[in-house]
Amino acid sequence: MNPLGRYHIEREDILRGFAPKKVVALTGAGISVASGISPFRGPGGLWEKYDPEEVANIENFRRNPRSSWVMLKEVLEVVEKALPNSAHLSLARMEKKGFISSVITQNIDGLHQKAGNKTVIEYHGNTTRLVCLSCSALFSYREIDLGSLPPYCPACGGVLKPDAVFFGEPIPKAALLQAHAEAQQCRVMLVIGTSGMVQPAAGLPFLAKKNGARIIEVNPERSYLTSSVTDIFLQGKAEEILPIIDEWLNG
């Protein structure tokens, strides 16, 4: 029985191109929902509780870091408790066995690395690393006392912020270049749990498609990508669909 039969798509149609072709996964907030990390946007998201322009804008952070850190500490507490779910673990197995070459993630939770993925391009950075705004030193958040906010750099006394992209900040150059190279070279892009609305990451599936890649989208609801660039749309939860694809690849 085809466990994805409700899509009227055969196993061979989904797997075509996975090996020995270059396959890249692009992940968004939806992949981490089953790990207890809600998307920032939408019902129950942090942007219902906090004003993103106030707490996640780099200029406002520089003016009033303590206000931002109240929200950021809450994010870190959620991320600290989170564990990879079956979707993350499936991608890690796919990479280990050579079925995917890299993961480009918009998430800042580090769950792909926890799951075992080795080649992870963190497009928006990682909230579990802290960077000094004065001397650029990097620290694990576990090294820093968050009892008083904002935290300060042990090396120079400057203000620390998560090494994640705030509104008003550019995408890290290395991640930007690497992600674009992966999108241009891949033959299949597996798009998982992203709305396709946040730029510039939303342009990566279009770049891949322009260069001849097939786009397989896994999302609980249709997205902007579904009708514009997606070749195969698998509607459902990433933690349910990816283990099936992983099993098929090993079948």
C-alpha atoms as a PDB file:
ATOM      1  CA  MET A   1       0.000   0.000   0.000  1.00  0.00           C
ATOM      2  CA  ASN A   2       1.234   3.478  -0.847  1.00  0.00           C
ATOM      3  CA  PRO A   3       1.122   5.450   2.471  1.00  0.00           C
ATOM      4  CA  LEU A   4       1.079   8.660   0.434  1.00  0.00           C
ATOM      5  CA  GLY A   5      -1.600   7.336  -1.896  1.00  0.00           C
ATOM      6  CA  ARG A   6      -3.987  10.133  -1.019  1.00  0.00           C
ATOM      7  CA  TYR A   7      -1.824  12.415  -3.155  1.00  0.00           C
ATOM      8  CA  HIS A   8      -2.304  10.190  -6.218  1.00  0.00           C
ATOM      9  CA  ILE A   9       1.468  10.277  -6.584  1.00  0.00           C
ATOM     10  CA  GLU A  10       3.523   7.147  -7.042  1.00  0.00           C
ATOM     11  CA  ARG A  11       6.609   6.432  -4.977  1.00  0.00           C
ATOM     12  CA  GLU A  12       8.782   6.590  -8.091  1.00  0.00           C
ATOM     13  CA  ASP A  13       7.553  10.103  -8.892  1.00  0.00           C
ATOM     14  CA  ILE A  14       8.649  11.372  -5.489  1.00  0.00           C
ATOM     15  CA  LEU A  15      11.975   9.567  -5.406  1.00  0.00           C
ATOM     16  CA  ARG A  16      12.962  10.404  -8.985  1.00  0.00           C
ATOM     17  CA  GLY A  17      16.101  12.491  -8.816  1.00  0.00           C
ATOM     18  CA  PHE A  18      17.098  11.749  -5.222  1.00  0.00           C
ATOM     19  CA  ALA A  19      20.111   9.637  -6.124  1.00  0.00           C
ATOM     20  CA  PRO A  20      22.666  10.093  -7.452  1.00  0.00           C
ATOM     21  CA  LYS A  21      21.480  13.658  -8.100  1.00  0.00           C
ATOM     22  CA  LYS A  22      22.142  16.596  -5.800  1.00  0.00           C
ATOM     23  CA  VAL A  23      19.203  17.136  -3.427  1.00  0.00           C
ATOM     24  CA  VAL A  24      18.938  20.120  -1.079  1.00  0.00           C
ATOM     25  CA  ALA A  25      16.401  20.581   1.722  1.00  0.00           C
ATOM     26  CA  LEU A  26      15.075  24.049   2.513  1.00  0.00           C
ATOM     27  CA  THR A  27      13.344  24.180   5.897  1.00  0.00           C
ATOM     28  CA  GLY A  28      11.202  26.736   7.686  1.00  0.00           C
ATOM     29  CA  ALA A  29       9.401  27.086  11.001  1.00  0.00           C
ATOM     30  CA  GLY A  30       6.892  24.346  10.213  1.00  0.00           C
ATOM     31  CA  ILE A  31       9.441  21.581  10.651  1.00  0.00           C
ATOM     32  CA  SER A  32      10.024  22.527  14.297  1.00  0.00           C
ATOM     33  CA  VAL A  33       6.398  22.834  15.427  1.00  0.00           C
ATOM     34  CA  ALA A  34       6.310  19.187  16.548  1.00  0.00           C
ATOM     35  CA  SER A  35       9.375  19.925  18.684  1.00  0.00           C
ATOM     36  CA  GLY A  36       7.409  22.534  20.619  1.00  0.00           C
ATOM     37  CA  ILE A  37       8.721  25.605  18.808  1.00  0.00           C
ATOM     38  CA  SER A  38       5.846  27.655  17.414  1.00  0.00           C
ATOM     39  CA  PRO A  39       6.356  29.865  14.364  1.00  0.00           C
ATOM     40  CA  PHE A  40       6.889  33.532  15.215  1.00  0.00           C
ATOM     41  CA  ARG A  41       4.003  34.422  12.901  1.00  0.00           C
ATOM     42  CA  GLY A  42       0.447  33.140  13.054  1.00  0.00           C
ATOM     43  CA  PRO A  43      -1.857  32.093  15.898  1.00  0.00           C
ATOM     44  CA  GLY A  44       0.024  31.630  19.162  1.00  0.00           C
ATOM     45  CA  GLY A  45       3.246  33.000  17.690  1.00  0.00           C
ATOM     46  CA  LEU A  46       5.537  35.398  19.508  1.00  0.00           C
ATOM     47  CA  TRP A  47       4.485  38.268  17.290  1.00  0.00           C
ATOM     48  CA  GLU A  48       1.055  38.122  18.932  1.00  0.00           C
ATOM     49  CA  LYS A  49       2.744  38.769  22.270  1.00  0.00           C
ATOM     50  CA  TYR A  50       5.559  41.092  21.219  1.00  0.00           C
ATOM     51  CA  ASP A  51       5.896  43.791  18.580  1.00  0.00           C
ATOM     52  CA  PRO A  52       8.605  42.542  16.193  1.00  0.00           C
ATOM     53  CA  GLU A  53       9.564  46.070  15.199  1.00  0.00           C
ATOM     54  CA  GLU A  54      10.225  46.830  18.852  1.00  0.00           C
ATOM     55  CA  VAL A  55      12.001  43.701  20.058  1.00  0.00           C
ATOM     56  CA  ALA A  56      13.513  42.212  16.882  1.00  0.00           C
ATOM     57  CA  ASN A  57      14.701  45.301  15.024  1.00  0.00           C
ATOM     58  CA  ILE A  58      18.451  45.817  15.246  1.00  0.00           C
ATOM     59  CA  GLU A  59      18.250  49.586  15.706  1.00  0.00           C
ATOM     60  CA  ASN A  60      15.770  49.249  18.563  1.00  0.00           C
ATOM     61  CA  PHE A  61      17.932  46.495  20.046  1.00  0.00           C
ATOM     62  CA  ARG A  62      20.924  48.811  20.078  1.00  0.00           C
ATOM     63  CA  ARG A  63      18.864  51.536  21.766  1.00  0.00           C
ATOM     64  CA  ASN A  64      17.147  49.304  24.314  1.00  0.00           C
ATOM     65  CA  PRO A  65      18.692  45.830  24.453  1.00  0.00           C
ATOM     66  CA  ARG A  66      16.990  44.926  27.713  1.00  0.00           C
ATOM     67  CA  SER A  67      13.525  45.192  26.165  1.00  0.00           C
ATOM     68  CA  SER A  68      14.538  42.776  23.393  1.00  0.00           C
ATOM     69  CA  TRP A  69      16.232  40.389  25.800  1.00  0.00           C
ATOM     70  CA  VAL A  70      13.002  39.810  27.738  1.00  0.00           C
ATOM     71  CA  MET A  71      11.617  38.169  24.590  1.00  0.00           C
ATOM     72  CA  LEU A  72      14.924  36.576  23.605  1.00  0.00           C
ATOM     73  CA  LYS A  73      15.316  34.844  26.952  1.00  0.00           C
ATOM     74  CA  GLU A  74      11.863  33.329  26.481  1.00  0.00           C
ATOM     75  CA  VAL A  75      12.920  32.055  23.034  1.00  0.00           C
ATOM     76  CA  LEU A  76      16.117  30.531  24.439  1.00  0.00           C
ATOM     77  CA  GLU A  77      14.204  28.736  27.187  1.00  0.00           C
ATOM     78  CA  VAL A  78      11.927  27.128  24.580  1.00  0.00           C
ATOM     79  CA  VAL A  79      14.856  26.195  22.298  1.00  0.00           C
ATOM     80  CA  GLU A  80      16.811  24.720  25.225  1.00  0.00           C
ATOM     81  CA  LYS A  81      14.015  22.242  25.947  1.00  0.00           C
ATOM     82  CA  ALA A  82      13.310  21.350  22.321  1.00  0.00           C
ATOM     83  CA  LEU A  83      14.400  18.042  20.822  1.00  0.00           C
ATOM     84  CA  PRO A  84      14.538  17.051  17.149  1.00  0.00           C
ATOM     85  CA  ASN A  85      11.371  15.414  15.897  1.00  0.00           C
ATOM     86  CA  SER A  86      10.994  12.656  13.310  1.00  0.00           C
ATOM     87  CA  ALA A  87      11.254  15.156  10.429  1.00  0.00           C
ATOM     88  CA  HIS A  88      14.661  16.420  11.610  1.00  0.00           C
ATOM     89  CA  LEU A  89      15.846  12.865  12.248  1.00  0.00           C
ATOM     90  CA  SER A  90      14.715  11.746   8.790  1.00  0.00           C
ATOM     91  CA  LEU A  91      16.717  14.511   7.115  1.00  0.00           C
ATOM     92  CA  ALA A  92      19.775  13.567   9.174  1.00  0.00           C
ATOM     93  CA  ARG A  93      19.479   9.954   8.024  1.00  0.00           C
ATOM     94  CA  MET A  94      19.007  11.054   4.417  1.00  0.00           C
ATOM     95  CA  GLU A  95      22.193  13.113   4.576  1.00  0.00           C
ATOM     96  CA  LYS A  96      24.169  10.336   6.281  1.00  0.00           C
ATOM     97  CA  LYS A  97      23.193   7.897   3.514  1.00  0.00           C
ATOM     98  CA  GLY A  98      23.961  10.373   0.750  1.00  0.00           C
ATOM     99  CA  PHE A  99      20.407  11.146  -0.386  1.00  0.00           C
ATOM    100  CA  ILE A 100      20.620  14.847   0.423  1.00  0.00           C
ATOM    101  CA  SER A 101      23.706  17.034   0.251  1.00  0.00           C
ATOM    102  CA  SER A 102      22.746  19.890   2.561  1.00  0.00           C
ATOM    103  CA  VAL A 103      20.037  21.567   4.597  1.00  0.00           C
ATOM    104  CA  ILE A 104      19.357  25.275   4.194  1.00  0.00           C
ATOM    105  CA  THR A 105      17.329  26.343   7.206  1.00  0.00           C
ATOM    106  CA  GLN A 106      15.545  29.569   8.031  1.00  0.00           C
ATOM    107  CA  ASN A 107      15.234  28.359  11.619  1.00  0.00           C
ATOM    108  CA  ILE A 108      17.429  29.598  14.450  1.00  0.00           C
ATOM    109  CA  ASP A 109      16.935  26.653  16.816  1.00  0.00           C
ATOM    110  CA  GLY A 110      19.869  24.373  15.941  1.00  0.00           C
ATOM    111  CA  LEU A 111      17.628  21.285  15.799  1.00  0.00           C
ATOM    112  CA  HIS A 112      19.075  20.041  12.513  1.00  0.00           C
ATOM    113  CA  GLN A 113      22.505  19.835  14.121  1.00  0.00           C
ATOM    114  CA  LYS A 114      21.038  18.160  17.210  1.00  0.00           C
ATOM    115  CA  ALA A 115      19.450  15.579  14.913  1.00  0.00           C
ATOM    116  CA  GLY A 116      22.805  14.828  13.290  1.00  0.00           C
ATOM    117  CA  ASN A 117      22.902  16.839  10.069  1.00  0.00           C
ATOM    118  CA  LYS A 118      26.455  17.910   9.262  1.00  0.00           C
ATOM    119  CA  THR A 119      26.004  20.318   6.352  1.00  0.00           C
ATOM    120  CA  VAL A 120      23.571  22.928   7.653  1.00  0.00           C
ATOM    121  CA  ILE A 121      23.437  26.422   6.189  1.00  0.00           C
ATOM    122  CA  GLU A 122      21.907  28.679   8.836  1.00  0.00           C
ATOM    123  CA  TYR A 123      20.357  31.354   6.656  1.00  0.00           C
ATOM    124  CA  HIS A 124      19.109  33.408   9.606  1.00  0.00           C
ATOM    125  CA  GLY A 125      21.819  32.478  12.103  1.00  0.00           C
ATOM    126  CA  ASN A 126      21.398  30.634  15.398  1.00  0.00           C
ATOM    127  CA  THR A 127      19.911  31.990  18.590  1.00  0.00           C
ATOM    128  CA  THR A 128      21.971  29.675  20.811  1.00  0.00           C
ATOM    129  CA  ARG A 129      25.157  31.536  19.876  1.00  0.00           C
ATOM    130  CA  LEU A 130      25.674  34.998  21.308  1.00  0.00           C
ATOM    131  CA  VAL A 131      27.768  37.642  19.576  1.00  0.00           C
ATOM    132  CA  CYS A 132      29.271  40.772  21.089  1.00  0.00           C
ATOM    133  CA  LEU A 133      28.211  43.945  19.304  1.00  0.00           C
ATOM    134  CA  SER A 134      31.515  45.578  20.248  1.00  0.00           C
ATOM    135  CA  CYS A 135      34.261  43.016  19.638  1.00  0.00           C
ATOM    136  CA  SER A 136      32.342  40.323  17.646  1.00  0.00           C
ATOM    137  CA  ALA A 137      33.383  37.546  20.052  1.00  0.00           C
ATOM    138  CA  LEU A 138      31.099  34.497  19.963  1.00  0.00           C
ATOM    139  CA  PHE A 139      29.847  32.510  22.958  1.00  0.00           C
ATOM    140  CA  SER A 140      27.449  29.676  23.629  1.00  0.00           C
ATOM    141  CA  TYR A 141      24.498  31.021  25.564  1.00  0.00           C
ATOM    142  CA  ARG A 142      25.266  28.370  28.187  1.00  0.00           C
ATOM    143  CA  GLU A 143      28.515  30.215  28.966  1.00  0.00           C
ATOM    144  CA  ILE A 144      26.697  33.439  29.777  1.00  0.00           C
ATOM    145  CA  ASP A 145      24.736  34.408  32.884  1.00  0.00           C
ATOM    146  CA  LEU A 146      21.283  35.517  31.779  1.00  0.00           C
ATOM    147  CA  GLY A 147      20.192  36.350  35.316  1.00  0.00           C
ATOM    148  CA  SER A 148      20.445  40.060  34.551  1.00  0.00           C
ATOM    149  CA  LEU A 149      19.567  41.562  31.206  1.00  0.00           C
ATOM    150  CA  PRO A 150      21.082  42.468  28.850  1.00  0.00           C
ATOM    151  CA  PRO A 151      24.066  40.117  29.169  1.00  0.00           C
ATOM    152  CA  TYR A 152      27.504  41.572  28.610  1.00  0.00           C
ATOM    153  CA  CYS A 153      30.593  40.254  26.863  1.00  0.00           C
ATOM    154  CA  PRO A 154      33.124  38.623  29.234  1.00  0.00           C
ATOM    155  CA  ALA A 155      35.938  39.789  26.951  1.00  0.00           C
ATOM    156  CA  CYS A 156      35.203  43.492  26.493  1.00  0.00           C
ATOM    157  CA  GLY A 157      31.995  44.347  28.333  1.00  0.00           C
ATOM    158  CA  GLY A 158      29.964  45.030  25.194  1.00  0.00           C
ATOM    159  CA  VAL A 159      26.305  44.073  24.826  1.00  0.00           C
ATOM    160  CA  LEU A 160      25.617  40.526  23.634  1.00  0.00           C
ATOM    161  CA  LYS A 161      22.871  39.600  21.185  1.00  0.00           C
ATOM    162  CA  PRO A 162      21.898  36.239  19.699  1.00  0.00           C
ATOM    163  CA  ASP A 163      23.842  35.475  16.525  1.00  0.00           C
ATOM    164  CA  ALA A 164      20.580  35.525  14.590  1.00  0.00           C
ATOM    165  CA  VAL A 165      19.418  37.934  11.911  1.00  0.00           C
ATOM    166  CA  PHE A 166      17.283  40.767  13.264  1.00  0.00           C
ATOM    167  CA  PHE A 167      15.067  42.983  11.130  1.00  0.00           C
ATOM    168  CA  GLY A 168      17.349  45.553   9.540  1.00  0.00           C
ATOM    169  CA  GLU A 169      20.348  43.195   9.391  1.00  0.00           C
ATOM    170  CA  PRO A 170      21.674  41.501   6.249  1.00  0.00           C
ATOM    171  CA  ILE A 171      21.815  37.749   5.761  1.00  0.00           C
ATOM    172  CA  PRO A 172      25.329  36.565   6.747  1.00  0.00           C
ATOM    173  CA  LYS A 173      27.395  36.713   3.576  1.00  0.00           C
ATOM    174  CA  ALA A 174      28.828  33.193   3.856  1.00  0.00           C
ATOM    175  CA  ALA A 175      25.370  31.663   4.363  1.00  0.00           C
ATOM    176  CA  LEU A 176      23.920  33.733   1.521  1.00  0.00           C
ATOM    177  CA  LEU A 177      26.607  32.667  -0.957  1.00  0.00           C
ATOM    178  CA  GLN A 178      26.538  29.018   0.085  1.00  0.00           C
ATOM    179  CA  ALA A 179      22.743  28.821  -0.055  1.00  0.00           C
ATOM    180  CA  HIS A 180      22.666  30.375  -3.518  1.00  0.00           C
ATOM    181  CA  ALA A 181      25.316  27.938  -4.743  1.00  0.00           C
ATOM    182  CA  GLU A 182      23.349  24.969  -3.384  1.00  0.00           C
ATOM    183  CA  ALA A 183      20.122  26.221  -4.967  1.00  0.00           C
ATOM    184  CA  GLN A 184      21.804  26.721  -8.337  1.00  0.00           C
ATOM    185  CA  GLN A 185      23.425  23.279  -8.335  1.00  0.00           C
ATOM    186  CA  CYS A 186      20.675  21.055  -6.911  1.00  0.00           C
ATOM    187  CA  ARG A 187      18.540  18.804  -9.112  1.00  0.00           C
ATOM    188  CA  VAL A 188      15.805  18.471  -6.464  1.00  0.00           C
ATOM    189  CA  MET A 189      14.861  20.948  -3.739  1.00  0.00           C
ATOM    190  CA  LEU A 190      12.812  19.544  -0.887  1.00  0.00           C
ATOM    191  CA  VAL A 191      10.939  22.527   0.594  1.00  0.00           C
ATOM    192  CA  ILE A 192       9.606  21.821   4.090  1.00  0.00           C
ATOM    193  CA  GLY A 193       7.477  23.893   6.423  1.00  0.00           C
ATOM    194  CA  THR A 194       7.976  27.325   4.924  1.00  0.00           C
ATOM    195  CA  SER A 195       5.393  29.780   3.620  1.00  0.00           C
ATOM    196  CA  GLY A 196       7.668  31.074   0.883  1.00  0.00           C
ATOM    197  CA  MET A 197       6.871  34.640   1.875  1.00  0.00           C
ATOM    198  CA  VAL A 198      10.004  35.740   3.749  1.00  0.00           C
ATOM    199  CA  GLN A 199      12.654  37.210   1.499  1.00  0.00           C
ATOM    200  CA  PRO A 200      15.341  36.628   0.466  1.00  0.00           C
ATOM    201  CA  ALA A 201      15.032  32.943   1.472  1.00  0.00           C
ATOM    202  CA  ALA A 202      11.760  32.709  -0.462  1.00  0.00           C
ATOM    203  CA  GLY A 203      13.707  33.232  -3.681  1.00  0.00           C
ATOM    204  CA  LEU A 204      15.755  30.048  -3.286  1.00  0.00           C
ATOM    205  CA  PRO A 205      13.139  27.632  -4.713  1.00  0.00           C
ATOM    206  CA  PHE A 206      12.724  29.947  -7.711  1.00  0.00           C
ATOM    207  CA  LEU A 207      16.491  30.024  -8.219  1.00  0.00           C
ATOM    208  CA  ALA A 208      16.598  26.227  -8.054  1.00  0.00           C
ATOM    209  CA  LYS A 209      13.687  25.913 -10.491  1.00  0.00           C
ATOM    210  CA  LYS A 210      15.315  28.367 -12.900  1.00  0.00           C
ATOM    211  CA  ASN A 211      18.352  26.106 -12.977  1.00  0.00           C
ATOM    212  CA  GLY A 212      16.326  22.988 -13.754  1.00  0.00           C
ATOM    213  CA  ALA A 213      15.537  21.561 -10.311  1.00  0.00           C
ATOM    214  CA  ARG A 214      12.327  19.775  -9.365  1.00  0.00           C
ATOM    215  CA  ILE A 215      10.587  21.289  -6.334  1.00  0.00           C
ATOM    216  CA  ILE A 216       8.931  18.941  -3.840  1.00  0.00           C
ATOM    217  CA  GLU A 217       6.985  20.845  -1.184  1.00  0.00           C
ATOM    218  CA  VAL A 218       5.877  19.466   2.188  1.00  0.00           C
ATOM    219  CA  ASN A 219       3.481  21.790   4.020  1.00  0.00           C
ATOM    220  CA  PRO A 220       0.308  21.446   6.095  1.00  0.00           C
ATOM    221  CA  GLU A 221      -1.402  24.040   3.884  1.00  0.00           C
ATOM    222  CA  ARG A 222      -0.908  25.331   0.370  1.00  0.00           C
ATOM    223  CA  SER A 223       1.616  28.163   0.237  1.00  0.00           C
ATOM    224  CA  TYR A 224       2.633  30.879  -2.173  1.00  0.00           C
ATOM    225  CA  LEU A 225       5.112  28.374  -3.604  1.00  0.00           C
ATOM    226  CA  THR A 226       2.495  25.715  -4.316  1.00  0.00           C
ATOM    227  CA  SER A 227       0.930  27.413  -7.315  1.00  0.00           C
ATOM    228  CA  SER A 228       4.032  29.214  -8.534  1.00  0.00           C
ATOM    229  CA  VAL A 229       7.023  26.887  -8.451  1.00  0.00           C
ATOM    230  CA  THR A 230       6.175  23.532  -6.803  1.00  0.00           C
ATOM    231  CA  ASP A 231       6.190  20.366  -8.941  1.00  0.00           C
ATOM    232  CA  ILE A 232       4.940  17.947  -6.269  1.00  0.00           C
ATOM    233  CA  PHE A 233       2.908  19.155  -3.276  1.00  0.00           C
ATOM    234  CA  LEU A 234       2.603  16.823  -0.283  1.00  0.00           C
ATOM    235  CA  GLN A 235       0.059  18.317   2.086  1.00  0.00           C
ATOM    236  CA  GLY A 236       0.616  17.273   5.659  1.00  0.00           C
ATOM    237  CA  LYS A 237       2.893  17.453   8.643  1.00  0.00           C
ATOM    238  CA  ALA A 238       6.627  17.188   8.027  1.00  0.00           C
ATOM    239  CA  GLU A 239       7.030  14.764  10.933  1.00  0.00           C
ATOM    240  CA  GLU A 240       4.620  12.362   9.230  1.00  0.00           C
ATOM    241  CA  ILE A 241       5.657  12.684   5.588  1.00  0.00           C
ATOM    242  CA  LEU A 242       9.454  12.810   5.807  1.00  0.00           C
ATOM    243  CA  PRO A 243       9.806   9.462   7.642  1.00  0.00           C
ATOM    244  CA  ILE A 244       7.849   7.833   4.785  1.00  0.00           C
ATOM    245  CA  ILE A 245      10.167   9.328   2.156  1.00  0.00           C
ATOM    246  CA  ASP A 246      13.157   8.288   4.283  1.00  0.00           C
ATOM    247  CA  GLU A 247      11.823   4.728   4.487  1.00  0.00           C
ATOM    248  CA  TRP A 248      11.218   4.612   0.738  1.00  0.00           C
ATOM    249  CA  LEU A 249      14.769   5.773   0.042  1.00  0.00           C
ATOM    250  CA  ASN A 250      16.041   2.849   2.102  1.00  0.00           C
ATOM    251  CA  GLY A 251      13.575   0.351   0.684  1.00  0.00           C
END
